[in-house]
């Protein structure tokens, strides 16, 4: 519902939360998870495109952090 631009007061009422903090806390976590998934999809598409680009052999995904 939050991703569908539904009013948070309506979401609170539908889910029968006692206060808005509960509703906002749940949807804040959901929004962060959606953002993370979108970034992962974008990064995967970028790396796939880089691997298929002609003459580009120095672009590789980072597998571990350097110290």
Protein backbone atom coordinates (compact mmCIF):
# COMPACT_ATOMS: atom_id res chain seq x y z
CA UNK A 1 0.00 0.00 0.00
CA UNK A 2 2.80 2.42 0.82
CA UNK A 3 4.39 1.91 -2.59
CA UNK A 4 0.99 2.58 -4.13
CA UNK A 5 0.85 6.10 -2.63
CA UNK A 6 -1.93 5.19 -0.21
CA UNK A 7 -2.54 7.62 2.65
CA UNK A 8 -0.68 6.44 5.77
CA UNK A 9 -3.69 7.18 8.00
CA UNK A 10 -5.70 4.76 5.86
CA UNK A 11 -2.95 2.13 6.09
CA UNK A 12 -2.88 2.59 9.88
CA UNK A 13 -6.63 2.05 10.08
CA UNK A 14 -6.64 -0.99 7.78
CA UNK A 15 -3.82 -2.66 9.70
CA UNK A 16 -5.42 -1.68 13.02
CA UNK A 17 -2.25 -0.14 14.41
CA UNK A 18 -2.73 1.83 17.63
CA UNK A 19 -0.43 4.64 16.62
CA UNK A 20 1.20 6.04 13.50
CA UNK A 21 4.73 5.21 14.75
CA UNK A 22 4.03 1.51 14.28
CA UNK A 23 2.76 2.00 10.74
CA UNK A 24 5.60 4.30 9.74
CA UNK A 25 8.20 1.96 11.26
CA UNK A 26 6.92 -1.00 9.26
CA UNK A 27 6.83 0.95 6.00
CA UNK A 28 10.23 2.57 6.57
CA UNK A 29 11.77 -0.91 6.67
CA UNK A 30 9.77 -1.99 3.61
CA UNK A 31 10.92 1.09 1.68
CA UNK A 32 14.57 0.43 2.55
CA UNK A 33 14.25 -3.17 1.37
CA UNK A 34 12.65 -2.05 -1.90
CA UNK A 35 15.46 0.47 -2.43
CA UNK A 36 18.10 -2.20 -1.81
CA UNK A 37 16.45 -4.60 -4.27
CA UNK A 38 16.23 -1.87 -6.92
CA UNK A 39 19.93 -1.06 -6.49
CA UNK A 40 20.86 -4.74 -6.80
CA UNK A 41 18.86 -5.06 -10.02
CA UNK A 42 20.50 -1.92 -11.40
CA UNK A 43 24.00 -3.09 -10.52
CA UNK A 44 23.39 -6.52 -12.05
CA UNK A 45 22.16 -4.93 -15.29
CA UNK A 46 25.16 -2.62 -15.39
CA UNK A 47 27.64 -5.46 -14.93
CA UNK A 48 25.86 -7.58 -17.54
CA UNK A 49 26.02 -4.70 -20.03
CA UNK A 50 29.69 -4.09 -19.22
CA UNK A 51 30.54 -7.75 -19.82
CA UNK A 52 28.84 -7.64 -23.23
CA UNK A 53 30.43 -4.36 -24.35
CA UNK A 54 33.02 -4.88 -27.12
CA UNK A 55 36.60 -4.14 -26.12
CA UNK A 56 35.86 -3.79 -22.42
CA UNK A 57 37.78 -6.44 -20.56
CA UNK A 58 38.88 -4.51 -17.49
CA UNK A 59 35.43 -4.11 -15.89
CA UNK A 60 34.81 -6.82 -13.36
CA UNK A 61 32.49 -7.01 -10.34
CA UNK A 62 34.16 -6.39 -6.99
CA UNK A 63 34.04 -9.60 -4.99
CA UNK A 64 35.69 -8.42 -1.80
CA UNK A 65 36.85 -5.20 -0.21
CA UNK A 66 40.51 -4.32 -0.37
CA UNK A 67 42.33 -3.58 2.86
